[in-house]
Structures are given as structure tokens and as C-alpha cells.
Amino acid sequence: MHRAALTWFGLAACSSTSSPTATVAPFHYELYAHHAEPQGPPASPVAPVIYYDSMPIERLAIDYPNYADAIGMQHTVELRYGTIVLASLARTIGVQDNAEACSEKHMNAPLTTYSETLCEYDNGEFRIEFADAATADGGGCLGDAFCPPRCGTSATYTGCPTGTHCTSRVTSVDPFASYLDCAPIGNKQLGDACTLIADPAGAYDDCADQLLCASGTCQALCSDACASCDYVPGHAPELRICN
């Protein structure tokens, strides 16, 4: 099982409306993931279900007596296909909310609300979309990420270390599911038979750069040279193949 390790993007665009309150304010926490699949990919053969703290509810919303009592509390969002957990993302209050930066902009006023929204993709991954917070002085902070993938799949940019490329890390074979991340570049060429290499961080194929193992062979990723491109079930929408 892959536990996503997404980097928090920071809170920005803060504004304050009054001086900090001297009372201890209650704290409201929310975690919400929504389906962000673009139009075009084939429907998943097994409908994914989002769970919060092991409950299949629409979103997680919890009230704490105050922010100090909430610090260190961990909540988990999971993407499940049937009984299989394909993606699991843990969020710890006081770590992901960047509270110190937001509080300092508001004369050290404590947080009173914090909500984080995630994008869920049917291939089996979560990505951060945005977060917002409010402080006891009536101000607030907003952070935007817009659901970026961990790496880039183009021939000109991947953001991956030398010897690796941005490709699928497979978390489940049946049903097939994966997430985008860097993995070692294989030596199989276009049209060659391919296979998956087991790895604790998620299996990866043995195809060369700009290729993806689909239907048992290494196939070219979508580019301007392709007449058209197809989505591949179980792979991220960025990894379309040329036809």
C-alpha cells in the first residue's frame, strides 16, 4: 500500500480584521476529498470509495475545544476499491496546517478553523488542492496547490533524479491502480514485452524513458507526433499513450 507523502504548499494571502481575542476559541477541523478525474478516462471497473478515519462519509468534520487540544491529532483519508486500500494519506493537525506562519501574521492569534481539500483520482491517488484557515482575530489564510502531480511526464521536464523518470508506481494489480512518481528507467524499448518490478514504494515497469507498459508491451507516451492518444485504465490521466 502506498502512503502518499505530499509536501505542504504553505499558507498565503492572509488578512486580519481585528485584534486577537483573549478568550480560548473552539477549533473546527475539516478534511474533504472530491473526484477530480478529467473527462475522457474510461470508467473504473470497481467504483472507488473515499473513507475518513475508516468511515465511508462525505467529509470529515470535527470540533475540538481549542486548537491546542487538536495539535498532534492525526486523521486519515483512504481510497478503497472494495476491501483493498489503494491510497492512504495521513494528515496531522499542527503539521500540515502551517499554523505558526498563519498565526504570526495575525499577532499570534490561534487558529479557529482549518479545512483541507484533496483531489481523488480513480487510478488510486490523492493530491492536495487547497486549504484555508481562520484565526481568532477574525483573519484568515489561504493556500493553493491545484492538485499537482509529484513529477512531470513530458520529455523536457520530470523533476526526477538522474536515471529515473516520471511513471506509474503500481499499488494494486487486481484491480489495477497506481500513482505518479519517479522510478528507475528500464531498458525495454518500444514494442518490447514488459513486466513490473516489485518495490516497497510501488511496482514500476521496465520500459525505457517516455514509454509505458500497457497491455504487456512498452508503448509510447502521448506527444505532438501522435495522431491521437488514449487513456490507460489504472494509470494517472497524464500518462496517455500514443496510437
Protein backbone atom coordinates (compact mmCIF):
# COMPACT_ATOMS: atom_id res chain seq x y z
CA MET A 1 0.00 0.00 0.00
CA HIS A 2 1.28 3.41 -0.87
CA ARG A 3 1.08 6.12 1.76
CA ALA A 4 1.27 9.37 -0.15
CA ALA A 5 3.94 11.77 1.05
CA LEU A 6 2.79 15.08 -0.30
CA THR A 7 4.63 18.28 0.58
CA TRP A 8 2.54 21.07 2.11
CA PHE A 9 2.48 24.14 -0.10
CA GLY A 10 2.29 26.89 2.54
CA LEU A 11 -0.42 29.33 3.51
CA ALA A 12 -0.58 32.73 1.88
CA ALA A 13 -2.88 35.67 1.12
CA CYS A 14 -3.63 36.47 4.76
CA SER A 15 -5.80 39.30 6.02
CA SER A 16 -6.80 40.50 9.50
CA THR A 17 -9.90 42.36 10.60
CA SER A 18 -9.40 42.97 14.33
CA SER A 19 -7.08 42.45 17.30
CA PRO A 20 -6.63 38.94 18.76
CA THR A 21 -9.22 37.68 21.17
CA ALA A 22 -8.15 36.99 24.76
CA THR A 23 -10.56 34.05 25.12
CA VAL A 24 -9.81 30.42 24.18
CA ALA A 25 -11.65 29.83 20.93
CA PRO A 26 -13.03 26.45 19.81
CA PHE A 27 -11.34 24.84 16.81
CA HIS A 28 -13.11 23.26 13.81
CA TYR A 29 -11.24 20.84 11.51
CA GLU A 30 -12.36 19.54 8.11
CA LEU A 31 -10.83 17.15 5.57
CA TYR A 32 -12.53 16.69 2.20
CA ALA A 33 -11.59 14.78 -0.95
CA HIS A 34 -13.51 15.04 -4.19
CA HIS A 35 -13.44 13.21 -7.52
CA ALA A 36 -11.17 15.20 -9.86
CA GLU A 37 -10.88 12.85 -12.84
CA PRO A 38 -10.83 14.81 -16.13
CA GLN A 39 -13.31 13.92 -18.85
CA GLY A 40 -12.03 11.18 -21.10
CA PRO A 41 -10.56 8.35 -19.00
CA PRO A 42 -12.56 5.10 -19.04
CA ALA A 43 -14.74 4.42 -16.04
CA SER A 44 -13.12 2.43 -13.28
CA PRO A 45 -14.33 -1.22 -13.26
CA VAL A 46 -14.73 -1.00 -9.47
CA ALA A 47 -16.22 2.17 -8.02
CA PRO A 48 -13.75 3.83 -5.63
CA VAL A 49 -14.96 4.86 -2.19
CA ILE A 50 -13.35 7.51 0.00
CA TYR A 51 -13.02 6.75 3.72
CA TYR A 52 -12.16 9.18 6.50
CA ASP A 53 -10.81 7.61 9.69
CA SER A 54 -12.19 4.27 8.40
CA MET A 55 -15.67 5.70 7.81
CA PRO A 56 -17.31 5.98 4.33
CA ILE A 57 -18.64 9.50 4.92
CA GLU A 58 -18.81 12.53 2.63
CA ARG A 59 -16.21 14.51 4.58
CA LEU A 60 -14.52 14.56 7.97
CA ALA A 61 -15.59 17.41 10.27
CA ILE A 62 -14.54 17.51 13.93
CA ASP A 63 -14.89 20.16 16.63
CA TYR A 64 -12.19 20.44 19.32
CA PRO A 65 -12.38 22.58 22.50
CA ASN A 66 -9.48 24.67 21.15
CA TYR A 67 -6.58 24.48 18.72
CA ALA A 68 -4.08 23.45 21.40
CA ASP A 69 -6.14 20.34 22.17
CA ALA A 70 -6.21 19.43 18.47
CA ILE A 71 -2.44 19.64 17.86
CA GLY A 72 -0.97 16.22 17.15
CA MET A 73 -4.28 14.58 16.31
CA GLN A 74 -3.94 12.51 13.13
CA HIS A 75 -6.70 11.87 10.61
CA THR A 76 -6.51 9.60 7.60
CA VAL A 77 -8.24 9.65 4.23
CA GLU A 78 -8.22 6.44 2.19
CA LEU A 79 -9.27 5.44 -1.30
CA ARG A 80 -10.69 1.92 -1.32
CA TYR A 81 -11.76 -0.35 -4.15
CA GLY A 82 -13.87 -2.93 -2.38
CA THR A 83 -11.82 -4.04 0.62
CA ILE A 84 -8.47 -3.00 -0.89
CA VAL A 85 -6.87 0.25 0.31
CA LEU A 86 -5.14 1.76 -2.72
CA ALA A 87 -4.17 5.14 -1.30
CA SER A 88 -3.81 6.33 2.27
CA LEU A 89 -2.93 9.89 3.26
CA ALA A 90 -2.41 10.83 6.91
CA ARG A 91 -2.80 14.46 8.00
CA THR A 92 -1.56 15.60 11.41
CA ILE A 93 -3.02 18.77 12.90
CA GLY A 94 -0.24 21.25 13.68
CA VAL A 95 1.95 19.88 10.87
CA GLN A 96 0.04 20.24 7.61
CA ASP A 97 -1.86 23.39 8.64
CA ASN A 98 1.26 25.59 8.90
CA ALA A 99 -0.34 27.18 11.94
CA GLU A 100 2.71 29.11 13.13
CA ALA A 101 3.02 31.04 9.85
CA CYS A 102 -0.66 31.87 9.80
CA SER A 103 -0.78 32.79 13.49
CA GLU A 104 2.28 35.04 13.26
CA LYS A 105 0.62 37.07 10.52
CA HIS A 106 -2.25 37.67 12.92
CA MET A 107 -0.34 38.74 16.04
CA ASN A 108 -0.13 35.10 17.24
CA ALA A 109 -3.88 34.64 17.23
CA PRO A 110 -4.70 30.89 17.41
CA LEU A 111 -6.45 29.04 14.61
CA THR A 112 -10.20 28.58 14.98
CA THR A 113 -10.88 26.66 11.76
CA TYR A 114 -8.83 24.69 9.28
CA SER A 115 -10.02 22.82 6.20
CA GLU A 116 -8.06 20.97 3.54
CA THR A 117 -9.40 19.81 0.19
CA LEU A 118 -7.86 16.96 -1.80
CA CYS A 119 -8.33 15.69 -5.33
CA GLU A 120 -9.05 11.97 -5.73
CA TYR A 121 -8.16 10.17 -8.95
CA ASP A 122 -9.60 6.80 -9.94
CA ASN A 123 -6.13 5.47 -10.77
CA GLY A 124 -5.56 5.45 -6.99
CA GLU A 125 -4.04 8.64 -5.64
CA PHE A 126 -4.76 11.81 -3.68
CA ARG A 127 -3.34 15.25 -4.49
CA ILE A 128 -3.60 18.47 -2.48
CA GLU A 129 -5.91 21.10 -3.96
CA PHE A 130 -6.13 23.91 -1.40
CA ALA A 131 -6.52 24.74 2.27
CA ASP A 132 -7.95 27.62 4.21
CA ALA A 133 -7.85 28.67 7.84
CA ALA A 134 -9.30 31.30 10.13
CA THR A 135 -7.75 32.83 13.23
CA ALA A 136 -9.27 34.08 16.47
CA ASP A 137 -8.78 37.73 15.43
CA GLY A 138 -11.19 37.31 12.51
CA GLY A 139 -8.47 36.96 9.87
CA GLY A 140 -7.70 34.06 7.59
CA CYS A 141 -5.13 32.33 5.40
CA LEU A 142 -5.42 30.55 2.08
CA GLY A 143 -3.08 28.13 0.34
CA ASP A 144 -3.47 26.89 -3.24
CA ALA A 145 -1.84 23.86 -4.86
CA PHE A 146 -4.35 22.91 -7.60
CA CYS A 147 -3.69 19.16 -7.38
CA PRO A 148 -0.21 18.99 -8.93
CA PRO A 149 1.29 15.54 -9.63
CA ARG A 150 4.53 14.60 -7.90
CA CYS A 151 6.52 14.77 -11.12
CA GLY A 152 6.27 15.76 -14.79
CA THR A 153 5.76 13.32 -17.64
CA SER A 154 6.95 15.43 -20.58
CA ALA A 155 10.20 14.74 -22.44
CA THR A 156 11.55 18.13 -21.31
CA TYR A 157 10.66 18.10 -17.60
CA THR A 158 10.20 15.38 -15.00
CA GLY A 159 11.69 16.76 -11.80
CA CYS A 160 13.12 13.29 -11.17
CA PRO A 161 16.73 12.39 -10.27
CA THR A 162 19.15 11.25 -12.97
CA GLY A 163 18.47 7.68 -14.06
CA THR A 164 14.78 7.88 -13.16
CA HIS A 165 11.66 9.13 -14.91
CA CYS A 166 8.09 10.04 -14.02
CA THR A 167 5.90 7.00 -14.44
CA SER A 168 3.37 4.77 -12.69
CA ARG A 169 4.04 3.21 -9.32
CA VAL A 170 1.61 0.31 -9.14
CA THR A 171 -0.16 -0.24 -5.81
CA SER A 172 -2.60 -2.95 -6.89
CA VAL A 173 -2.76 -5.35 -9.82
CA ASP A 174 -6.36 -6.52 -9.33
CA PRO A 175 -7.92 -4.04 -9.61
CA PHE A 176 -5.07 -2.23 -11.33
CA ALA A 177 -4.19 1.05 -9.63
CA SER A 178 -1.15 3.32 -9.50
CA TYR A 179 0.15 6.77 -8.70
CA LEU A 180 2.63 9.08 -10.44
CA ASP A 181 6.16 9.22 -9.05
CA CYS A 182 9.80 8.85 -10.04
CA ALA A 183 11.09 5.34 -10.77
CA PRO A 184 14.21 3.83 -12.36
CA ILE A 185 14.32 3.96 -16.16
CA GLY A 186 14.12 0.49 -17.70
CA ASN A 187 15.87 -0.91 -20.78
CA LYS A 188 12.90 -2.31 -22.70
CA GLN A 189 12.22 -0.48 -25.96
CA LEU A 190 9.10 0.43 -27.93
CA GLY A 191 7.12 -2.72 -28.72
CA ASP A 192 9.10 -4.95 -26.35
CA ALA A 193 7.32 -7.18 -23.87
CA CYS A 194 7.40 -5.57 -20.43
CA THR A 195 6.83 -6.52 -16.83
CA LEU A 196 6.56 -4.94 -13.38
CA ILE A 197 9.44 -4.79 -10.93
CA ALA A 198 8.37 -5.15 -7.30
CA ASP A 199 9.27 -2.30 -4.96
CA PRO A 200 8.03 -1.29 -1.46
CA ALA A 201 7.18 2.18 -2.79
CA GLY A 202 5.07 0.71 -5.60
CA ALA A 203 5.99 -1.55 -8.52
CA TYR A 204 7.27 0.07 -11.71
CA ASP A 205 7.72 -1.20 -15.26
CA ASP A 206 10.98 -1.95 -17.09
CA CYS A 207 10.29 0.29 -20.10
CA ALA A 208 12.68 2.99 -21.26
CA ASP A 209 12.04 6.72 -20.89
CA GLN A 210 8.85 8.12 -22.49
CA LEU A 211 7.36 4.63 -22.64
CA LEU A 212 4.69 2.96 -20.54
CA CYS A 213 3.94 -0.71 -20.07
CA ALA A 214 0.37 -1.18 -21.28
CA SER A 215 -1.27 -4.45 -22.36
CA GLY A 216 2.04 -6.21 -21.84
CA THR A 217 4.19 -4.12 -24.20
CA CYS A 218 6.14 -0.86 -23.98
CA GLN A 219 4.09 1.84 -25.69
CA ALA A 220 4.95 5.45 -26.45
CA LEU A 221 3.59 8.20 -24.25
CA CYS A 222 1.43 10.86 -25.86
CA SER A 223 3.32 13.57 -27.78
CA ASP A 224 2.75 16.04 -30.60
CA ALA A 225 3.81 13.32 -33.04
CA CYS A 226 0.78 11.17 -32.19
CA ALA A 227 -2.34 11.21 -34.34
CA SER A 228 -4.37 10.63 -31.18
CA CYS A 229 -3.82 9.45 -27.63
CA ASP A 230 -5.64 7.06 -25.31
CA TYR A 231 -6.10 6.99 -21.56
CA VAL A 232 -4.97 3.77 -19.91
CA PRO A 233 -7.17 2.29 -17.16
CA GLY A 234 -5.47 2.34 -13.78
CA HIS A 235 -2.85 4.91 -14.76
CA ALA A 236 -2.81 8.64 -13.99
CA PRO A 237 -4.52 10.82 -16.64
CA GLU A 238 -1.14 12.39 -17.50
CA LEU A 239 0.11 9.03 -18.79
CA ARG A 240 -1.81 8.66 -22.04
CA ILE A 241 -0.35 6.50 -24.82
CA CYS A 242 0.09 7.25 -28.50
CA ASN A 243 -1.94 5.45 -31.15
